[in-house]
Amino acid sequence: MQYTIEVEMEEDGRWMAEVVEIPGVMAYGATQDEAVKKTESLALRVIAERI
């Protein structure tokens, strides 16, 4: 499965990453990489629960 992760920096300096195709799958991190890794992990858990 392929999915799109959108990343943006919040005004307070935190990074937020979100999987566009799976509503509610988003995570914050101190760095862009951390936010993406947390979001990927969450996406995998959500997909596993749906199976």
N, C-alpha and C. Protein backbone atom coordinates (compact mmCIF):
# COMPACT_ATOMS: atom_id res chain seq x y z
N MET A 1 0.85 -1.18 0.00
CA MET A 1 0.00 0.00 0.00
C MET A 1 0.88 1.24 0.00
N GLN A 2 0.54 2.17 -0.84
CA GLN A 2 1.26 3.42 -0.87
C GLN A 2 0.40 4.51 -0.23
N TYR A 3 1.05 5.40 0.46
CA TYR A 3 0.32 6.49 1.08
C TYR A 3 1.17 7.75 1.06
N THR A 4 0.51 8.87 1.21
CA THR A 4 1.16 10.17 1.17
C THR A 4 1.27 10.73 2.58
N ILE A 5 2.46 11.18 2.94
CA ILE A 5 2.66 11.83 4.24
C ILE A 5 2.95 13.30 3.99
N GLU A 6 2.10 14.14 4.55
CA GLU A 6 2.31 15.58 4.48
C GLU A 6 2.96 16.03 5.79
N VAL A 7 3.94 16.90 5.67
CA VAL A 7 4.69 17.37 6.84
C VAL A 7 4.69 18.89 6.85
N GLU A 8 4.49 19.45 8.04
CA GLU A 8 4.58 20.89 8.17
C GLU A 8 5.07 21.27 9.56
N MET A 9 5.68 22.43 9.64
CA MET A 9 6.16 22.92 10.93
C MET A 9 5.09 23.82 11.55
N GLU A 10 4.78 23.55 12.80
CA GLU A 10 3.81 24.35 13.53
C GLU A 10 4.48 25.66 13.99
N GLU A 11 3.68 26.61 14.40
CA GLU A 11 4.20 27.90 14.85
C GLU A 11 5.10 27.77 16.07
N ASP A 12 4.85 26.74 16.90
CA ASP A 12 5.67 26.56 18.11
C ASP A 12 6.96 25.79 17.84
N GLY A 13 7.24 25.46 16.57
CA GLY A 13 8.48 24.80 16.22
C GLY A 13 8.40 23.29 16.12
N ARG A 14 7.28 22.70 16.56
CA ARG A 14 7.11 21.25 16.43
C ARG A 14 6.78 20.91 14.98
N TRP A 15 7.09 19.69 14.60
CA TRP A 15 6.74 19.19 13.28
C TRP A 15 5.51 18.30 13.40
N MET A 16 4.62 18.39 12.40
CA MET A 16 3.43 17.56 12.36
C MET A 16 3.42 16.83 11.03
N ALA A 17 3.23 15.50 11.09
CA ALA A 17 3.13 14.69 9.88
C ALA A 17 1.78 14.00 9.89
N GLU A 18 1.20 13.84 8.69
CA GLU A 18 -0.14 13.27 8.57
C GLU A 18 -0.23 12.39 7.33
N VAL A 19 -0.88 11.23 7.46
CA VAL A 19 -1.14 10.38 6.32
C VAL A 19 -2.46 10.83 5.71
N VAL A 20 -2.40 11.32 4.49
CA VAL A 20 -3.57 11.90 3.83
C VAL A 20 -4.68 10.87 3.65
N GLU A 21 -4.33 9.66 3.27
CA GLU A 21 -5.32 8.64 2.93
C GLU A 21 -5.98 7.98 4.14
N ILE A 22 -5.46 8.19 5.34
CA ILE A 22 -6.02 7.56 6.54
C ILE A 22 -6.37 8.67 7.54
N PRO A 23 -7.64 9.08 7.58
CA PRO A 23 -8.04 10.16 8.48
C PRO A 23 -7.64 9.90 9.93
N GLY A 24 -7.14 10.92 10.57
CA GLY A 24 -6.78 10.83 11.98
C GLY A 24 -5.39 10.31 12.25
N VAL A 25 -4.67 9.88 11.22
CA VAL A 25 -3.31 9.36 11.43
C VAL A 25 -2.34 10.53 11.28
N MET A 26 -1.95 11.07 12.42
CA MET A 26 -0.98 12.18 12.46
C MET A 26 -0.21 12.12 13.76
N ALA A 27 0.98 12.68 13.72
CA ALA A 27 1.81 12.68 14.92
C ALA A 27 2.73 13.90 14.89
N TYR A 28 3.14 14.31 16.08
CA TYR A 28 4.07 15.43 16.24
C TYR A 28 5.44 14.91 16.62
N GLY A 29 6.46 15.69 16.28
CA GLY A 29 7.81 15.35 16.67
C GLY A 29 8.65 16.61 16.79
N ALA A 30 9.76 16.48 17.49
CA ALA A 30 10.68 17.62 17.65
C ALA A 30 11.40 17.92 16.34
N THR A 31 11.55 16.89 15.50
CA THR A 31 12.17 17.05 14.19
C THR A 31 11.22 16.51 13.13
N GLN A 32 11.49 16.86 11.88
CA GLN A 32 10.67 16.37 10.79
C GLN A 32 10.77 14.85 10.71
N ASP A 33 11.96 14.32 10.84
CA ASP A 33 12.17 12.87 10.77
C ASP A 33 11.41 12.14 11.88
N GLU A 34 11.44 12.68 13.08
CA GLU A 34 10.73 12.05 14.20
C GLU A 34 9.23 12.03 13.95
N ALA A 35 8.68 13.13 13.45
CA ALA A 35 7.24 13.18 13.16
C ALA A 35 6.86 12.16 12.09
N VAL A 36 7.67 12.03 11.06
CA VAL A 36 7.39 11.07 9.99
C VAL A 36 7.45 9.65 10.52
N LYS A 37 8.47 9.32 11.29
CA LYS A 37 8.60 7.97 11.84
C LYS A 37 7.43 7.61 12.75
N LYS A 38 7.01 8.54 13.60
CA LYS A 38 5.87 8.29 14.47
C LYS A 38 4.59 8.08 13.66
N THR A 39 4.43 8.87 12.62
CA THR A 39 3.24 8.76 11.78
C THR A 39 3.22 7.45 11.02
N GLU A 40 4.36 7.02 10.49
CA GLU A 40 4.43 5.73 9.80
C GLU A 40 4.09 4.59 10.75
N SER A 41 4.61 4.66 11.96
CA SER A 41 4.31 3.62 12.95
C SER A 41 2.82 3.57 13.27
N LEU A 42 2.22 4.72 13.46
CA LEU A 42 0.79 4.79 13.74
C LEU A 42 -0.02 4.27 12.56
N ALA A 43 0.37 4.63 11.35
CA ALA A 43 -0.34 4.16 10.15
C ALA A 43 -0.32 2.64 10.07
N LEU A 44 0.82 2.03 10.35
CA LEU A 44 0.91 0.57 10.32
C LEU A 44 0.00 -0.08 11.35
N ARG A 45 -0.08 0.51 12.54
CA ARG A 45 -0.97 -0.03 13.58
C ARG A 45 -2.43 0.08 13.15
N VAL A 46 -2.80 1.20 12.56
CA VAL A 46 -4.19 1.40 12.12
C VAL A 46 -4.53 0.41 11.02
N ILE A 47 -3.62 0.23 10.06
CA ILE A 47 -3.86 -0.72 8.97
C ILE A 47 -3.98 -2.13 9.52
N ALA A 48 -3.12 -2.50 10.45
CA ALA A 48 -3.16 -3.86 11.06
C ALA A 48 -4.49 -4.08 11.79
N GLU A 49 -4.98 -3.07 12.49
CA GLU A 49 -6.25 -3.22 13.19
C GLU A 49 -7.42 -3.39 12.24
N ARG A 50 -7.32 -2.80 11.07
CA ARG A 50 -8.41 -2.89 10.09
C ARG A 50 -8.44 -4.24 9.39
N ILE A 51 -7.31 -4.94 9.40
CA ILE A 51 -7.24 -6.23 8.68
C ILE A 51 -7.94 -7.30 9.45
